[in-house]
Amino acid sequence: MKKQQLILNKQAINNKIKRIGLSIIEKYHTQTTITLIGFEKNGYIIAQKLKDIIEETHNINIQIHKIKIDKNKTYQITPKLCNTHLKNVFLADDVLKSGKTIMYGIKAILEYPVENLKTIILVNRNHNQFPIGVDYIGLNLSTTLKDHIKVVLSQKEESVYLV
């Protein structure tokens, strides 16, 4: 088994997510609605944590959605987005490597009339092969192409490892 190096522990992960949440509050505190969309599993967990952080101190209506790839290799958003709450949309994922996943997620979201779309990444690996800009980053981590980032966000463990 390949050796794992701990990059972020539970407290560090939650601090990064809280910092992102506070940055969103700082810019969008006058808004009445925000839509958070997280990639299935870890991106969705990050979106849920952001929702909790924002709702703790601000009276903002937050819609939360999950985006996942189905068996036909198309991206599905559940519950479906409604056209009335798409002024401020945030797409969250755990790791950005090439940018391909985020790019296809953005493509699926842009099928709806979105006014403003921002991206949130917990760990940015700086290996973009696609022209994807990230608006909110928890940690920039320069790695080799052979390195892998493993993000564990479960009830038992919350950690980020370099593998």
C-alpha atoms as a PDB file:
ATOM      1  CA  MET A   1       0.000   0.000   0.000  1.00  0.00           C
ATOM      2  CA  LYS A   2       1.213   3.467  -0.885  1.00  0.00           C
ATOM      3  CA  LYS A   3       2.135   5.734   2.003  1.00  0.00           C
ATOM      4  CA  GLN A   4      -0.338   8.492   2.845  1.00  0.00           C
ATOM      5  CA  GLN A   5       0.712  11.884   4.136  1.00  0.00           C
ATOM      6  CA  LEU A   6      -1.877  13.824   6.128  1.00  0.00           C
ATOM      7  CA  ILE A   7      -2.405  17.243   4.555  1.00  0.00           C
ATOM      8  CA  LEU A   8      -5.513  18.451   6.418  1.00  0.00           C
ATOM      9  CA  ASN A   9      -7.108  17.055   9.560  1.00  0.00           C
ATOM     10  CA  LYS A  10     -10.754  17.537  10.576  1.00  0.00           C
ATOM     11  CA  GLN A  11     -10.169  20.892  12.259  1.00  0.00           C
ATOM     12  CA  ALA A  12      -8.136  22.244   9.336  1.00  0.00           C
ATOM     13  CA  ILE A  13     -10.799  21.124   6.835  1.00  0.00           C
ATOM     14  CA  ASN A  14     -13.559  22.764   8.853  1.00  0.00           C
ATOM     15  CA  ASN A  15     -11.473  25.949   9.234  1.00  0.00           C
ATOM     16  CA  LYS A  16     -10.987  26.111   5.446  1.00  0.00           C
ATOM     17  CA  ILE A  17     -14.692  25.574   4.808  1.00  0.00           C
ATOM     18  CA  LYS A  18     -15.631  28.140   7.458  1.00  0.00           C
ATOM     19  CA  ARG A  19     -13.274  30.685   5.868  1.00  0.00           C
ATOM     20  CA  ILE A  20     -14.930  30.090   2.497  1.00  0.00           C
ATOM     21  CA  GLY A  21     -18.375  30.435   4.101  1.00  0.00           C
ATOM     22  CA  LEU A  22     -17.401  33.713   5.750  1.00  0.00           C
ATOM     23  CA  SER A  23     -16.040  35.004   2.431  1.00  0.00           C
ATOM     24  CA  ILE A  24     -19.359  34.184   0.787  1.00  0.00           C
ATOM     25  CA  ILE A  25     -21.253  35.932   3.602  1.00  0.00           C
ATOM     26  CA  GLU A  26     -19.020  38.992   3.274  1.00  0.00           C
ATOM     27  CA  LYS A  27     -19.852  39.392  -0.405  1.00  0.00           C
ATOM     28  CA  TYR A  28     -23.448  38.091  -0.526  1.00  0.00           C
ATOM     29  CA  HIS A  29     -24.892  39.134   2.868  1.00  0.00           C
ATOM     30  CA  THR A  30     -27.444  41.422   1.218  1.00  0.00           C
ATOM     31  CA  GLN A  31     -28.853  38.632  -0.953  1.00  0.00           C
ATOM     32  CA  THR A  32     -32.022  36.775  -0.023  1.00  0.00           C
ATOM     33  CA  THR A  33     -31.227  33.506  -1.820  1.00  0.00           C
ATOM     34  CA  ILE A  34     -28.116  31.443  -2.540  1.00  0.00           C
ATOM     35  CA  THR A  35     -27.989  28.125  -4.384  1.00  0.00           C
ATOM     36  CA  LEU A  36     -25.293  25.619  -3.405  1.00  0.00           C
ATOM     37  CA  ILE A  37     -24.618  22.663  -5.698  1.00  0.00           C
ATOM     38  CA  GLY A  38     -22.155  19.996  -4.613  1.00  0.00           C
ATOM     39  CA  PHE A  39     -20.711  17.119  -6.600  1.00  0.00           C
ATOM     40  CA  GLU A  40     -22.000  13.828  -5.254  1.00  0.00           C
ATOM     41  CA  LYS A  41     -20.443  12.739  -2.024  1.00  0.00           C
ATOM     42  CA  ASN A  42     -17.636  15.086  -0.928  1.00  0.00           C
ATOM     43  CA  GLY A  43     -18.678  18.198  -2.856  1.00  0.00           C
ATOM     44  CA  TYR A  44     -22.190  17.828  -1.488  1.00  0.00           C
ATOM     45  CA  ILE A  45     -20.864  17.415   2.063  1.00  0.00           C
ATOM     46  CA  ILE A  46     -18.851  20.620   1.615  1.00  0.00           C
ATOM     47  CA  ALA A  47     -21.991  22.384   0.337  1.00  0.00           C
ATOM     48  CA  GLN A  48     -23.938  21.164   3.405  1.00  0.00           C
ATOM     49  CA  LYS A  49     -21.222  22.482   5.743  1.00  0.00           C
ATOM     50  CA  LEU A  50     -21.265  25.840   3.945  1.00  0.00           C
ATOM     51  CA  LYS A  51     -25.055  25.982   4.249  1.00  0.00           C
ATOM     52  CA  ASP A  52     -24.806  25.432   8.016  1.00  0.00           C
ATOM     53  CA  ILE A  53     -22.096  28.097   8.409  1.00  0.00           C
ATOM     54  CA  ILE A  54     -24.031  30.706   6.432  1.00  0.00           C
ATOM     55  CA  GLU A  55     -27.352  29.963   8.142  1.00  0.00           C
ATOM     56  CA  GLU A  56     -25.760  30.254  11.614  1.00  0.00           C
ATOM     57  CA  THR A  57     -25.466  34.005  11.348  1.00  0.00           C
ATOM     58  CA  HIS A  58     -27.469  35.182   8.340  1.00  0.00           C
ATOM     59  CA  ASN A  59     -31.067  34.974   7.278  1.00  0.00           C
ATOM     60  CA  ILE A  60     -30.400  33.845   3.715  1.00  0.00           C
ATOM     61  CA  ASN A  61     -32.578  31.253   1.992  1.00  0.00           C
ATOM     62  CA  ILE A  62     -30.153  28.553   0.849  1.00  0.00           C
ATOM     63  CA  GLN A  63     -31.165  25.977  -1.730  1.00  0.00           C
ATOM     64  CA  ILE A  64     -28.891  22.922  -1.777  1.00  0.00           C
ATOM     65  CA  HIS A  65     -28.548  20.465  -4.652  1.00  0.00           C
ATOM     66  CA  LYS A  66     -26.442  17.462  -5.579  1.00  0.00           C
ATOM     67  CA  ILE A  67     -24.851  16.940  -8.980  1.00  0.00           C
ATOM     68  CA  LYS A  68     -23.782  13.492 -10.102  1.00  0.00           C
ATOM     69  CA  ILE A  69     -22.863  11.630 -13.232  1.00  0.00           C
ATOM     70  CA  ASP A  70     -25.349   8.971 -14.271  1.00  0.00           C
ATOM     71  CA  LYS A  71     -24.875   5.692 -16.133  1.00  0.00           C
ATOM     72  CA  ASN A  72     -25.152   7.548 -19.483  1.00  0.00           C
ATOM     73  CA  LYS A  73     -22.241   9.803 -18.458  1.00  0.00           C
ATOM     74  CA  THR A  74     -24.458  12.871 -18.208  1.00  0.00           C
ATOM     75  CA  TYR A  75     -24.569  15.155 -15.213  1.00  0.00           C
ATOM     76  CA  GLN A  76     -27.836  15.230 -13.273  1.00  0.00           C
ATOM     77  CA  ILE A  77     -28.779  17.827 -10.667  1.00  0.00           C
ATOM     78  CA  THR A  78     -31.134  16.740  -7.877  1.00  0.00           C
ATOM     79  CA  PRO A  79     -33.471  18.127  -6.864  1.00  0.00           C
ATOM     80  CA  LYS A  80     -33.870  19.874 -10.188  1.00  0.00           C
ATOM     81  CA  LEU A  81     -33.041  23.551 -10.204  1.00  0.00           C
ATOM     82  CA  CYS A  82     -35.988  25.905 -10.365  1.00  0.00           C
ATOM     83  CA  ASN A  83     -35.732  29.007 -12.491  1.00  0.00           C
ATOM     84  CA  THR A  84     -36.647  31.455  -9.719  1.00  0.00           C
ATOM     85  CA  HIS A  85     -33.643  30.919  -7.390  1.00  0.00           C
ATOM     86  CA  LEU A  86     -30.680  31.144  -9.747  1.00  0.00           C
ATOM     87  CA  LYS A  87     -29.210  34.553  -9.035  1.00  0.00           C
ATOM     88  CA  ASN A  88     -26.220  33.379  -6.957  1.00  0.00           C
ATOM     89  CA  VAL A  89     -25.120  29.819  -7.663  1.00  0.00           C
ATOM     90  CA  PHE A  90     -22.075  28.112  -6.124  1.00  0.00           C
ATOM     91  CA  LEU A  91     -20.645  24.807  -7.386  1.00  0.00           C
ATOM     92  CA  ALA A  92     -18.581  22.895  -4.798  1.00  0.00           C
ATOM     93  CA  ASP A  93     -16.140  20.004  -5.147  1.00  0.00           C
ATOM     94  CA  ASP A  94     -13.392  18.507  -3.039  1.00  0.00           C
ATOM     95  CA  VAL A  95     -10.367  18.411  -5.395  1.00  0.00           C
ATOM     96  CA  LEU A  96      -9.566  20.209  -8.643  1.00  0.00           C
ATOM     97  CA  LYS A  97      -7.014  18.359 -10.726  1.00  0.00           C
ATOM     98  CA  SER A  98      -7.605  18.837 -14.441  1.00  0.00           C
ATOM     99  CA  GLY A  99     -10.794  20.907 -14.294  1.00  0.00           C
ATOM    100  CA  LYS A 100     -12.783  18.456 -16.401  1.00  0.00           C
ATOM    101  CA  THR A 101     -15.353  17.540 -13.736  1.00  0.00           C
ATOM    102  CA  ILE A 102     -16.005  21.189 -12.837  1.00  0.00           C
ATOM    103  CA  MET A 103     -16.262  22.078 -16.525  1.00  0.00           C
ATOM    104  CA  TYR A 104     -18.973  19.480 -17.156  1.00  0.00           C
ATOM    105  CA  GLY A 105     -20.765  20.466 -13.958  1.00  0.00           C
ATOM    106  CA  ILE A 106     -20.798  24.091 -15.093  1.00  0.00           C
ATOM    107  CA  LYS A 107     -22.139  22.976 -18.469  1.00  0.00           C
ATOM    108  CA  ALA A 108     -25.056  21.184 -16.754  1.00  0.00           C
ATOM    109  CA  ILE A 109     -25.817  24.219 -14.573  1.00  0.00           C
ATOM    110  CA  LEU A 110     -25.734  26.620 -17.518  1.00  0.00           C
ATOM    111  CA  GLU A 111     -28.701  24.809 -19.043  1.00  0.00           C
ATOM    112  CA  TYR A 112     -30.668  26.942 -16.562  1.00  0.00           C
ATOM    113  CA  PRO A 113     -30.889  30.769 -16.564  1.00  0.00           C
ATOM    114  CA  VAL A 114     -28.084  31.445 -14.072  1.00  0.00           C
ATOM    115  CA  GLU A 115     -27.136  35.070 -13.365  1.00  0.00           C
ATOM    116  CA  ASN A 116     -23.972  34.446 -11.353  1.00  0.00           C
ATOM    117  CA  LEU A 117     -21.955  31.221 -10.942  1.00  0.00           C
ATOM    118  CA  LYS A 118     -18.960  30.768  -8.637  1.00  0.00           C
ATOM    119  CA  THR A 119     -16.812  27.703  -7.969  1.00  0.00           C
ATOM    120  CA  ILE A 120     -15.641  26.367  -4.603  1.00  0.00           C
ATOM    121  CA  ILE A 121     -12.799  23.849  -4.241  1.00  0.00           C
ATOM    122  CA  LEU A 122     -11.391  22.423  -1.011  1.00  0.00           C
ATOM    123  CA  VAL A 123      -8.013  21.446  -2.546  1.00  0.00           C
ATOM    124  CA  ASN A 124      -6.718  22.936  -5.807  1.00  0.00           C
ATOM    125  CA  ARG A 125      -3.881  20.868  -7.291  1.00  0.00           C
ATOM    126  CA  ASN A 126      -2.872  23.454  -9.912  1.00  0.00           C
ATOM    127  CA  HIS A 127      -2.869  20.965 -12.820  1.00  0.00           C
ATOM    128  CA  ASN A 128      -5.691  22.472 -14.859  1.00  0.00           C
ATOM    129  CA  GLN A 129      -5.928  21.089 -18.373  1.00  0.00           C
ATOM    130  CA  PHE A 130      -9.084  23.105 -18.969  1.00  0.00           C
ATOM    131  CA  PRO A 131      -9.526  26.869 -18.554  1.00  0.00           C
ATOM    132  CA  ILE A 132     -11.285  26.705 -15.201  1.00  0.00           C
ATOM    133  CA  GLY A 133     -10.996  29.504 -12.692  1.00  0.00           C
ATOM    134  CA  VAL A 134     -11.764  28.818  -9.053  1.00  0.00           C
ATOM    135  CA  ASP A 135     -13.385  31.553  -6.991  1.00  0.00           C
ATOM    136  CA  TYR A 136     -13.052  30.062  -3.501  1.00  0.00           C
ATOM    137  CA  ILE A 137     -10.157  27.743  -2.599  1.00  0.00           C
ATOM    138  CA  GLY A 138      -9.508  26.077   0.732  1.00  0.00           C
ATOM    139  CA  LEU A 139      -5.922  25.022  -0.043  1.00  0.00           C
ATOM    140  CA  ASN A 140      -3.657  25.411  -3.073  1.00  0.00           C
ATOM    141  CA  LEU A 141      -1.364  22.385  -3.219  1.00  0.00           C
ATOM    142  CA  SER A 142       1.297  21.967  -5.884  1.00  0.00           C
ATOM    143  CA  THR A 143       1.772  18.263  -6.542  1.00  0.00           C
ATOM    144  CA  THR A 144       3.242  16.061  -9.236  1.00  0.00           C
ATOM    145  CA  LEU A 145       0.934  14.475 -11.789  1.00  0.00           C
ATOM    146  CA  LYS A 146       1.624  11.078 -10.188  1.00  0.00           C
ATOM    147  CA  ASP A 147       0.417  12.239  -6.775  1.00  0.00           C
ATOM    148  CA  HIS A 148      -3.166  11.644  -5.739  1.00  0.00           C
ATOM    149  CA  ILE A 149      -5.250  13.599  -3.238  1.00  0.00           C
ATOM    150  CA  LYS A 150      -7.588  11.481  -1.132  1.00  0.00           C
ATOM    151  CA  VAL A 151     -10.377  13.354   0.638  1.00  0.00           C
ATOM    152  CA  VAL A 152     -12.288  11.500   3.352  1.00  0.00           C
ATOM    153  CA  LEU A 153     -15.430  13.226   4.620  1.00  0.00           C
ATOM    154  CA  SER A 154     -17.389  10.729   6.686  1.00  0.00           C
ATOM    155  CA  GLN A 155     -18.879  10.545  10.163  1.00  0.00           C
ATOM    156  CA  LYS A 156     -15.835   8.571  11.363  1.00  0.00           C
ATOM    157  CA  GLU A 157     -13.111  10.636   9.703  1.00  0.00           C
ATOM    158  CA  GLU A 158     -12.511  13.947   7.976  1.00  0.00           C
ATOM    159  CA  SER A 159      -9.049  14.116   6.416  1.00  0.00           C
ATOM    160  CA  VAL A 160      -7.144  15.028   3.290  1.00  0.00           C
ATOM    161  CA  TYR A 161      -4.174  12.860   2.330  1.00  0.00           C
ATOM    162  CA  LEU A 162      -1.437  13.087  -0.267  1.00  0.00           C
ATOM    163  CA  VAL A 163      -1.023   9.564  -1.659  1.00  0.00           C
END
